[in-house]
Protein backbone atom coordinates (compact mmCIF):
# COMPACT_ATOMS: atom_id res chain seq x y z
CA MET A 1 0.00 0.00 0.00
CA PHE A 2 -1.15 -1.08 -0.27
CA GLY A 3 -0.11 1.89 2.74
CA THR A 4 -2.86 2.10 4.41
CA SER A 5 -3.04 0.85 4.11
CA ARG A 6 -2.17 -2.07 5.98
CA LEU A 7 -4.27 -1.67 9.11
CA SER A 8 -7.45 -0.44 7.46
CA ARG A 9 -7.14 -2.91 4.62
CA LYS A 10 -7.10 -5.83 7.02
CA ALA A 11 -10.38 -4.80 8.56
CA THR A 12 -12.21 -3.71 5.44
CA HIS A 13 -10.67 -6.52 3.42
CA SER A 14 -9.73 -4.11 0.67
CA LEU A 15 -6.64 -2.15 -0.19
CA ALA A 16 -6.40 0.99 1.62
CA LEU A 17 -2.38 0.21 1.33
CA ALA A 18 -2.53 1.91 -1.23
CA ALA A 19 -4.38 5.10 -1.76
CA SER A 20 -7.45 3.69 -3.38
CA SER A 21 -8.95 7.08 -4.14
CA ILE A 22 -5.72 8.95 -4.53
CA LEU A 23 -6.36 9.79 -8.17
CA VAL A 24 -8.84 12.44 -7.10
CA LEU A 25 -6.08 14.40 -5.41
CA ALA A 26 -4.53 17.31 -7.22
CA ALA A 27 -0.88 17.06 -8.17
CA CYS A 28 1.21 18.57 -5.42
CA GLY A 29 3.55 21.41 -6.19
CA GLY A 30 7.26 21.21 -5.67
CA GLY A 31 7.70 23.22 -2.52
CA ASN A 32 11.22 23.03 -1.16
CA ASP A 33 12.91 20.32 -3.23
CA SER A 34 15.54 19.70 -0.59
CA GLY A 35 12.89 18.96 2.02
CA GLY A 36 13.12 20.26 5.55
CA SER A 37 12.17 23.70 6.77
CA GLY A 38 13.24 26.48 9.03
CA ASP A 39 10.92 24.92 11.57
CA ALA A 40 12.94 21.70 11.55
CA ALA A 41 15.45 23.00 14.05
CA ALA A 42 12.86 24.25 16.50
CA ALA A 43 12.07 22.39 19.72
CA GLY A 44 14.75 19.83 18.89
CA ASN A 45 15.47 18.79 22.45
CA SER A 46 12.06 19.39 23.96
CA THR A 47 10.13 16.59 25.65
CA GLY A 48 6.53 16.39 26.71
CA PRO A 49 3.11 15.01 25.77
CA ILE A 50 2.57 14.32 22.07
CA THR A 51 -0.16 13.17 19.71
CA TYR A 52 0.17 10.30 17.25
CA VAL A 53 -2.03 10.55 14.17
CA GLN A 54 -2.93 7.59 12.00
CA GLY A 55 -5.77 5.90 10.15
CA LYS A 56 -8.45 4.04 12.07
CA ASP A 57 -6.96 1.31 14.28
CA ASN A 58 -9.30 -1.43 13.11
CA SER A 59 -6.95 -4.17 14.32
CA ASN A 60 -6.70 -2.66 17.82
CA ILE A 61 -2.93 -2.95 17.94
CA VAL A 62 -1.92 0.71 18.17
CA GLN A 63 -3.63 1.76 21.39
CA PRO A 64 -2.13 -1.17 23.37
CA ALA A 65 1.31 -0.10 22.12
CA ILE A 66 0.64 3.46 23.21
CA ASP A 67 -0.51 2.18 26.61
CA LYS A 68 2.87 0.46 27.02
CA TRP A 69 4.68 3.67 26.14
CA ASN A 70 2.57 5.77 28.50
CA ALA A 71 3.14 3.39 31.40
CA ALA A 72 6.89 3.83 30.97
CA HIS A 73 6.80 7.57 30.15
CA PRO A 74 4.27 9.26 32.49
CA ASP A 75 5.64 12.73 31.65
CA GLU A 76 5.67 12.15 27.89
CA LYS A 77 2.30 10.56 27.30
CA VAL A 78 1.07 9.88 23.78
CA THR A 79 -2.52 10.48 22.72
CA LEU A 80 -3.84 8.62 19.68
CA LYS A 81 -5.79 10.63 17.13
CA GLU A 82 -7.55 8.28 14.75
CA GLN A 83 -8.43 9.40 11.27
CA THR A 84 -10.92 7.60 9.02
CA ASP A 85 -10.08 4.30 7.34
CA GLN A 86 -10.03 5.96 3.90
CA ALA A 87 -6.53 6.67 2.60
CA ASP A 88 -7.42 9.75 0.57
CA GLN A 89 -9.15 11.31 3.58
CA GLN A 90 -6.13 10.52 5.77
CA HIS A 91 -3.86 12.19 3.23
CA ASP A 92 -6.04 15.29 2.99
CA ASP A 93 -6.28 15.60 6.76
CA LEU A 94 -2.49 15.53 7.07
CA VAL A 95 -2.08 18.10 4.30
CA GLN A 96 -4.58 20.48 5.91
CA ASN A 97 -2.93 20.25 9.32
CA PHE A 98 0.58 20.61 7.94
CA GLN A 99 -0.51 23.68 6.00
CA ALA A 100 -1.97 25.08 9.21
CA LYS A 101 1.32 24.31 11.01
CA ASN A 102 -0.64 22.40 13.63
CA ALA A 103 1.76 21.57 16.46
CA ASP A 104 -0.67 18.93 17.78
CA TYR A 105 0.16 16.55 14.92
CA ASP A 106 3.49 15.53 16.46
CA VAL A 107 3.99 12.10 14.90
CA VAL A 108 2.00 11.08 11.84
CA SER A 109 1.58 7.75 10.10
CA VAL A 110 2.35 8.08 6.39
CA ASP A 111 1.76 5.68 3.55
CA ASN A 112 5.14 5.20 1.92
CA ILE A 113 3.88 6.89 -1.26
CA TRP A 114 3.31 10.15 0.65
CA THR A 115 6.73 10.56 2.24
CA SER A 116 8.46 12.27 -0.68
CA GLU A 117 5.52 14.63 -1.22
CA PHE A 118 5.50 15.73 2.43
CA ALA A 119 9.30 15.90 2.62
CA ALA A 120 9.48 18.10 -0.47
CA LYS A 121 6.97 20.45 1.14
CA GLY A 122 9.22 20.81 4.19
CA TRP A 123 6.70 19.28 6.57
CA LEU A 124 8.73 16.35 7.93
CA GLN A 125 11.66 16.43 10.31
CA PRO A 126 14.73 14.95 8.55
CA LEU A 127 16.00 11.96 10.51
CA THR A 128 19.58 13.15 10.62
CA GLY A 129 21.94 14.45 13.27
CA GLU A 130 20.40 14.14 16.71
CA PHE A 131 17.40 12.49 15.06
CA ALA A 132 19.42 9.90 13.15
CA LEU A 133 17.62 6.56 13.14
CA ASP A 134 19.44 3.23 13.33
CA THR A 135 18.15 1.33 10.30
CA SER A 136 20.72 -1.47 10.29
CA GLY A 137 18.22 -4.15 11.35
CA LEU A 138 15.43 -3.05 9.04
CA LEU A 139 14.53 -4.46 5.65
CA PRO A 140 16.42 -2.20 3.20
CA ALA A 141 13.42 -1.73 0.90
CA THR A 142 11.42 -0.19 3.76
CA VAL A 143 14.19 2.33 4.39
CA THR A 144 14.50 3.21 0.69
CA ALA A 145 10.78 3.93 0.54
CA GLU A 146 11.09 6.59 3.26
CA THR A 147 14.15 8.25 1.74
CA TYR A 148 13.88 11.40 -0.37
CA ASN A 149 16.85 13.23 -1.87
CA LYS A 150 19.14 10.79 -0.04
CA THR A 151 17.68 11.76 3.34
CA LEU A 152 15.51 9.58 5.59
CA TYR A 153 12.30 11.35 6.57
CA ALA A 154 10.24 8.66 8.34
CA GLY A 155 10.80 5.53 10.38
CA PRO A 156 9.29 2.40 8.77
CA THR A 157 6.68 0.80 11.04
CA SER A 158 4.97 -1.76 8.81
CA SER A 159 5.65 -3.24 5.41
CA ASP A 160 3.82 -5.26 2.80
CA GLY A 161 4.58 -7.21 -0.34
CA GLY A 162 2.60 -9.02 -2.97
CA LEU A 163 2.28 -12.81 -2.83
CA LEU A 164 1.09 -15.50 -5.23
CA TYR A 165 -1.72 -17.66 -3.88
CA TYR A 166 -2.17 -20.90 -5.80
CA ARG A 167 -4.14 -24.14 -5.71
CA LYS A 168 -1.57 -26.65 -4.57
CA ASP A 169 -4.02 -29.51 -5.17
CA LEU A 170 -3.96 -28.61 -8.89
CA VAL A 171 -0.44 -27.16 -9.15
CA PRO A 172 1.86 -28.92 -6.64
CA THR A 173 4.86 -26.72 -7.53
CA PRO A 174 4.23 -22.99 -7.99
CA PRO A 175 5.52 -21.27 -11.13
CA LYS A 176 8.76 -19.33 -10.91
CA SER A 177 8.24 -17.21 -14.02
CA TRP A 178 5.33 -15.43 -15.69
CA ASP A 179 5.57 -17.58 -18.82
CA GLU A 180 5.58 -20.74 -16.72
CA MET A 181 2.45 -19.57 -14.92
CA MET A 182 0.71 -18.74 -18.19
CA SER A 183 1.55 -22.24 -19.48
CA MET A 184 -0.28 -23.68 -16.47
CA CYS A 185 -3.51 -21.93 -17.42
CA SER A 186 -4.50 -25.05 -19.34
CA ILE A 187 -4.95 -26.69 -15.92
CA ALA A 188 -7.46 -24.00 -15.01
CA LYS A 189 -9.38 -24.55 -18.24
CA GLN A 190 -9.44 -28.31 -17.66
CA ASN A 191 -11.02 -27.68 -14.27
CA GLY A 192 -13.48 -25.07 -15.50
CA ILE A 193 -12.00 -22.19 -13.49
CA ASP A 194 -10.25 -18.90 -14.27
CA CYS A 195 -6.47 -18.90 -14.35
CA TYR A 196 -5.01 -15.72 -12.86
CA ALA A 197 -6.12 -12.42 -11.40
CA GLY A 198 -4.66 -9.44 -9.62
CA GLN A 199 -6.06 -5.96 -9.06
CA TYR A 200 -7.01 -4.38 -12.39
CA SER A 201 -9.85 -2.01 -11.58
CA GLN A 202 -8.99 1.63 -12.29
CA TYR A 203 -7.67 2.62 -8.85
CA GLU A 204 -4.40 2.57 -6.93
CA GLY A 205 -4.20 -1.21 -7.05
CA LEU A 206 -3.85 -1.01 -10.82
CA THR A 207 -0.77 1.18 -10.41
CA VAL A 208 0.61 -1.45 -8.03
CA ASN A 209 0.04 -4.32 -10.46
CA VAL A 210 1.24 -2.51 -13.58
CA ALA A 211 4.36 -1.24 -11.82
CA GLU A 212 5.05 -4.82 -10.70
CA ALA A 213 4.80 -6.10 -14.27
CA ILE A 214 7.05 -3.36 -15.63
CA ASN A 215 9.65 -3.79 -12.86
CA THR A 216 9.57 -7.60 -13.08
CA PHE A 217 10.53 -7.49 -16.74
CA GLY A 218 13.41 -5.09 -16.10
CA GLY A 219 11.71 -1.78 -16.78
CA SER A 220 10.90 1.19 -14.58
CA VAL A 221 8.28 3.93 -14.36
CA LEU A 222 10.55 6.83 -13.43
CA SER A 223 14.30 7.31 -13.33
CA GLU A 224 15.99 6.78 -9.99
CA ASP A 225 16.03 10.51 -9.25
CA GLY A 226 12.33 10.77 -10.15
CA LYS A 227 12.95 13.43 -12.77
CA LYS A 228 12.37 11.47 -15.97
CA ALA A 229 9.59 9.17 -17.16
CA THR A 230 11.01 5.83 -18.34
CA VAL A 231 8.14 3.73 -19.68
CA ASP A 232 9.20 4.21 -23.31
CA THR A 233 11.50 1.17 -23.20
CA PRO A 234 11.33 -2.41 -24.53
CA GLU A 235 11.42 -3.70 -20.94
CA ALA A 236 8.43 -1.64 -19.84
CA LYS A 237 6.56 -2.69 -22.97
CA LYS A 238 7.29 -6.36 -22.24
CA GLY A 239 5.78 -5.94 -18.77
CA LEU A 240 2.59 -4.25 -19.95
CA ASP A 241 2.32 -6.65 -22.91
CA ALA A 242 2.40 -9.61 -20.50
CA LEU A 243 -0.80 -8.34 -18.88
CA VAL A 244 -2.45 -7.27 -22.13
CA THR A 245 -1.77 -10.63 -23.77
CA ALA A 246 -3.11 -12.51 -20.75
CA PHE A 247 -6.37 -10.56 -20.99
CA GLN A 248 -6.58 -11.19 -24.73
CA ASP A 249 -5.96 -14.93 -24.25
CA GLY A 250 -8.49 -15.17 -21.44
CA ASN A 251 -5.79 -16.26 -18.98
CA ILE A 252 -6.87 -13.24 -16.98
CA PRO A 253 -10.70 -13.11 -17.09
CA LYS A 254 -12.20 -9.98 -18.61
CA GLN A 255 -14.16 -9.30 -15.41
CA ALA A 256 -10.82 -8.79 -13.64
CA THR A 257 -10.87 -5.19 -14.91
CA THR A 258 -13.38 -4.71 -12.07
CA TYR A 259 -11.26 -6.51 -9.46
CA GLN A 260 -9.86 -4.79 -6.42
CA GLU A 261 -8.40 -6.89 -3.59
CA GLU A 262 -11.64 -8.32 -2.36
CA GLN A 263 -13.14 -9.46 -5.64
CA GLY A 264 -10.07 -11.54 -6.43
CA ARG A 265 -9.90 -12.94 -2.91
CA GLN A 266 -13.53 -13.98 -3.05
CA SER A 267 -13.08 -15.68 -6.41
CA PHE A 268 -10.06 -17.57 -5.09
CA GLU A 269 -11.82 -18.63 -1.87
CA ASP A 270 -14.81 -19.76 -3.94
CA GLY A 271 -12.54 -22.13 -5.84
CA LYS A 272 -12.95 -20.24 -9.11
CA LEU A 273 -9.34 -19.14 -9.57
CA LEU A 274 -6.07 -21.05 -9.96
CA PHE A 275 -3.65 -18.20 -9.20
CA LEU A 276 -4.15 -14.92 -7.32
CA ARG A 277 -1.81 -12.01 -6.76
CA ASN A 278 -2.74 -10.35 -3.47
CA TRP A 279 -1.40 -9.19 -0.09
CA PRO A 280 -0.63 -11.27 3.03
CA TYR A 281 -3.96 -10.43 4.66
CA VAL A 282 -5.61 -13.00 2.36
CA TYR A 283 -3.82 -15.90 4.07
CA SER A 284 -5.69 -15.84 7.37
CA LEU A 285 -9.03 -15.18 5.69
CA ALA A 286 -8.65 -18.01 3.18
CA LYS A 287 -7.80 -20.30 6.11
CA THR A 288 -10.57 -19.21 8.46
CA ASP A 289 -13.52 -17.84 6.45
CA GLY A 290 -16.46 -20.17 6.81
CA SER A 291 -17.23 -19.79 3.11
CA SER A 292 -13.68 -20.54 1.94
CA THR A 293 -13.54 -23.70 -0.18
CA VAL A 294 -9.73 -23.72 -0.35
CA LYS A 295 -8.81 -23.82 3.36
CA ASP A 296 -6.62 -26.88 2.93
CA THR A 297 -5.82 -26.70 -0.76
CA PHE A 298 -3.91 -23.45 -1.28
CA GLY A 299 -0.27 -22.54 -1.05
CA VAL A 300 1.67 -19.28 -1.00
CA ALA A 301 4.68 -18.39 -3.16
CA VAL A 302 6.65 -15.36 -4.25
CA LEU A 303 5.42 -13.56 -7.33
CA PRO A 304 6.65 -15.15 -10.58
CA GLY A 305 9.61 -13.46 -12.23
CA GLY A 306 10.28 -12.30 -15.76
CA GLY A 307 12.29 -15.35 -16.76
CA ASP A 308 15.70 -14.19 -15.59
CA GLY A 309 15.73 -16.46 -12.54
CA LYS A 310 14.80 -13.67 -10.16
CA PRO A 311 11.52 -13.44 -8.22
CA GLY A 312 8.89 -11.03 -9.40
CA ALA A 313 9.33 -7.43 -8.27
CA SER A 314 6.45 -6.67 -5.91
CA SER A 315 5.36 -3.10 -5.38
CA LEU A 316 6.21 -2.21 -1.81
CA GLY A 317 3.40 -1.50 0.61
CA GLY A 318 3.61 -0.20 4.12
CA HIS A 319 3.57 2.72 6.51
CA ALA A 320 6.07 4.80 8.45
CA ALA A 321 5.99 7.22 11.36
CA ALA A 322 7.20 10.75 10.67
CA VAL A 323 7.91 13.63 13.04
CA SER A 324 6.26 16.91 12.08
CA VAL A 325 8.54 19.92 11.83
CA TYR A 326 5.85 21.81 13.74
CA SER A 327 5.91 19.56 16.82
CA ASP A 328 6.77 21.29 20.09
CA HIS A 329 8.23 18.10 21.55
CA LYS A 330 10.41 16.62 18.83
CA LYS A 331 12.68 14.65 21.14
CA THR A 332 9.73 12.73 22.58
CA ALA A 333 8.28 12.36 19.10
CA PHE A 334 11.51 10.86 17.79
CA GLU A 335 11.82 8.46 20.72
CA PHE A 336 8.24 7.33 20.08
CA VAL A 337 9.08 6.60 16.43
CA LYS A 338 11.94 4.39 17.61
CA PHE A 339 9.58 2.66 20.04
CA LEU A 340 7.10 1.83 17.25
CA GLU A 341 9.76 0.00 15.29
CA SER A 342 11.23 -1.79 18.29
CA GLU A 343 11.25 -5.59 18.22
CA GLU A 344 8.66 -5.78 20.99
CA ILE A 345 6.10 -3.68 19.13
CA GLN A 346 6.87 -5.15 15.73
CA LYS A 347 6.33 -8.67 17.07
CA ASP A 348 3.10 -7.60 18.80
CA TRP A 349 1.75 -6.05 15.62
CA LEU A 350 2.53 -9.16 13.62
CA THR A 351 1.03 -11.65 16.07
CA LYS A 352 -2.01 -9.58 17.02
CA GLY A 353 -2.73 -7.75 13.77
CA SER A 354 -0.87 -9.59 10.99
CA ALA A 355 1.08 -6.41 10.21
CA ALA A 356 4.21 -7.23 8.21
CA PRO A 357 7.21 -6.27 10.37
CA VAL A 358 10.07 -4.05 9.21
CA ILE A 359 12.73 -5.89 11.24
CA ALA A 360 14.42 -8.45 8.99
CA SER A 361 15.24 -11.00 11.71
CA LEU A 362 11.58 -11.54 12.66
CA TYR A 363 10.97 -13.22 9.31
CA ASP A 364 13.40 -15.96 10.30
CA ASP A 365 12.07 -16.54 13.82
CA PRO A 366 11.03 -20.24 13.92
CA THR A 367 8.15 -19.59 16.32
CA LEU A 368 6.73 -16.85 14.13
CA VAL A 369 7.21 -18.87 10.94
CA GLN A 370 5.28 -21.73 12.50
CA GLN A 371 2.42 -19.35 13.25
CA PHE A 372 2.69 -17.49 9.92
CA PRO A 373 4.05 -19.96 7.33
CA TYR A 374 4.11 -17.33 4.58
CA LEU A 375 6.79 -15.22 6.32
CA PRO A 376 9.77 -16.58 4.30
CA GLU A 377 7.96 -15.86 1.03
CA LEU A 378 6.88 -12.45 2.28
CA LYS A 379 10.46 -11.61 3.24
CA THR A 380 11.64 -12.56 -0.26
CA SER A 381 8.84 -10.45 -1.72
CA ILE A 382 9.76 -7.40 0.33
CA GLU A 383 13.51 -7.84 -0.26
CA ASN A 384 12.87 -7.80 -4.00
CA ALA A 385 10.16 -5.15 -3.85
CA VAL A 386 10.36 -1.83 -5.65
CA PRO A 387 8.70 1.23 -4.11
CA ARG A 388 6.09 2.87 -6.24
CA PRO A 389 7.52 5.97 -7.96
CA VAL A 390 9.23 8.19 -5.38
CA THR A 391 8.11 11.67 -6.32
CA PRO A 392 6.36 14.65 -4.70
CA PHE A 393 3.94 14.53 -7.65
CA TYR A 394 2.69 11.03 -6.94
CA PRO A 395 -1.07 11.71 -7.27
CA ALA A 396 -0.60 12.84 -10.89
CA VAL A 397 1.85 10.01 -11.56
CA THR A 398 -0.52 7.28 -10.40
CA LYS A 399 -3.34 8.81 -12.44
CA ALA A 400 -1.18 8.73 -15.59
CA ILE A 401 -0.42 5.04 -15.00
CA GLN A 402 -4.00 4.08 -14.20
CA ASP A 403 -5.64 5.92 -17.09
CA ASN A 404 -3.36 4.51 -19.77
CA ALA A 405 -2.84 1.02 -18.38
CA PHE A 406 -6.59 0.52 -17.96
CA ALA A 407 -7.13 1.58 -21.56
CA ALA A 408 -4.63 -1.04 -22.69
CA LEU A 409 -6.02 -3.84 -20.52
CA SER A 410 -9.60 -3.13 -21.53
CA GLY A 411 -8.65 -3.03 -25.21
CA SER A 412 -9.39 0.61 -26.01
CA LYS A 413 -5.71 1.38 -26.67
CA SER A 414 -2.83 -0.69 -27.97
CA SER A 415 0.00 -1.19 -25.49
CA ASP A 416 2.24 0.95 -27.75
CA ALA A 417 -0.22 3.83 -27.70
CA ALA A 418 -0.85 3.42 -23.97
CA LEU A 419 2.86 3.57 -23.16
CA LYS A 420 3.42 6.55 -25.45
CA ASP A 421 0.60 8.46 -23.77
CA MET A 422 1.71 7.27 -20.33
CA GLN A 423 5.24 8.53 -21.01
CA ALA A 424 3.94 11.97 -21.97
CA SER A 425 1.54 12.18 -19.02
CA LEU A 426 4.19 11.05 -16.56
CA GLN A 427 6.71 13.58 -17.83
CA ASN A 428 4.10 16.31 -17.54
CA ALA A 429 3.21 15.16 -14.01
CA ILE A 430 6.75 15.20 -12.66
CA SER A 431 7.32 18.59 -14.25
CA GLY A 432 4.57 19.93 -12.02
CA GLY A 433 2.10 20.09 -14.88
CA LYS A 434 4.20 22.72 -16.63
């Protein structure tokens, strides 16, 4: 996320990880490209009560963590301010309060696709100097996602990566490449079921899935510095073509252009789908839902690769905690960020809320792996994940991807035309619409 993402998605059973309605947001202007602000130095060593702002705690894992903090820090108590469970509303609320320089929003939970936007605006405290965060034990991809202009602006608190769910009673060994998976679609046809689905409705999940296809086949959406659109390449075309061809062949059912997370999950649990690309939250539901017909007949694997021997490149989901430059108690705020990504809290959030941890070693803990058998695959997914485009103009970028990719998948544009138009729209987006 899909961000959100992660906590609200688990409860609503749909991607909020991702900003599902983010395309309605206006493209954000450049602000201060170096990030930071004159306010960043203020109140650097001050301690005291703070407020933590995040989306609705549907899993009830955040307040217990805050209770632990408050018991140990009676003079630096944290108050939880819950937003809605809608990612676009969370984003807008943060923007409005940052613009108002609201000192009461001390620590804020940010979807990893928002960090660069907020950093470029000068709203987030750079995690450097006295606020330097030890990231040595964290999954590198989670750190990269919170880094803008080579500076870390938020502490990763939860991650997420795409997984391949498959019918192990029909396919004992999961496919390692896209072409291998497509060749197995004959098994689906023999059993009268659909072959493969992901998230192809015109929303943020489509950006996730298209970016995964492009990255898996060696392409990219933007250059590493975020200043150039890069979908006009043979590699990017191969990625989009893989999806377009699968729709044309019927290996991805036409109705999948209406699929968000839940529609695909339901189809898989109903026994109507051989392969499903989705997030880890599906595992527990497919195992425990009373209506699930695949409780004992599904397996979990990493996403299939592009044929080069590497796993597929998942889009990275997850959230981080950022300190507002307007906070009056930045020292307490920073210490609270460190607390949220401590091993104790990360383990609690995994076991009690199925939140993917950001500490690498937890994925290899035998006790946790026994409880959550998909952890090794999820670790591989996250280690090979690619953040969605890191740019302060993300809302316009995701709209450019969604509009043109959907046209290609639904057959109203050729993949060549879609990529040409996507390239132009992306370049316009990252130029601030100039």
